[in-house]
Amino acid sequence: MREQPRYLSSFLRRSRAAARRQRPGFSLMEIMVVIAILSVITSIGVPNFIKARTSARTRSCVRQIRTLIAVKEQYALIKKLPQGSAVSMGNLIAAELILSTPTCPDGFPYSLGSIGDDVICTSGLPGHKIDGPY
C-alpha cells in the first residue's frame, strides 16, 4: 500500500472530524415530535375555546334579557301602565331608559312583548331565554 502525502492525510483527518461533529439545528424526528405535541394540544384546546365562547354569548344574552325586563317594568311604573300594555323599544328609548336598541350577541333582536311578559330573544338558540323568575 502506498503512503498518502502528508497534506492529504491531514485533510482527511480534518474532514472526518468535521463529519463526526453534530451539525447545528433540529433533526426531522425532533420537529415531528413537536408538531405532534402541538396538534394534540390544539385538538384539546379548540373545542374548549368554542364552547367557552358560545357559553359567554348565551350568558350575555340572558343578562340583556334580564336588563330589558327590569327596564320594561320601570317604564310601566313611570307611565303607570296596567299589565298587558304593549311596550316597544322606541318607548324605552324615548323615555331615556336605554340609549339604543339592544341585540343578542349572535345578532338577533329582542321581542319585548307586553307588560308582565318575558322578553324573548328571537334567535331561538338553546339557552337564550329566562327560565323561571329573573
Foldseek 3Di string as FASTA:
>chain_A
DDDDDPVVVVVVVVVVVVVPDDDDDDDPVVVVVVVVVVVVVCVVPPVVVVVVVVVVLLVVLAVVQVLLLVLQVVLCVVVVPDWQADDDVVSSCVVVVDVDQDARPVGFGWAPGTNPDGIATPPPDPNNGDDDDD
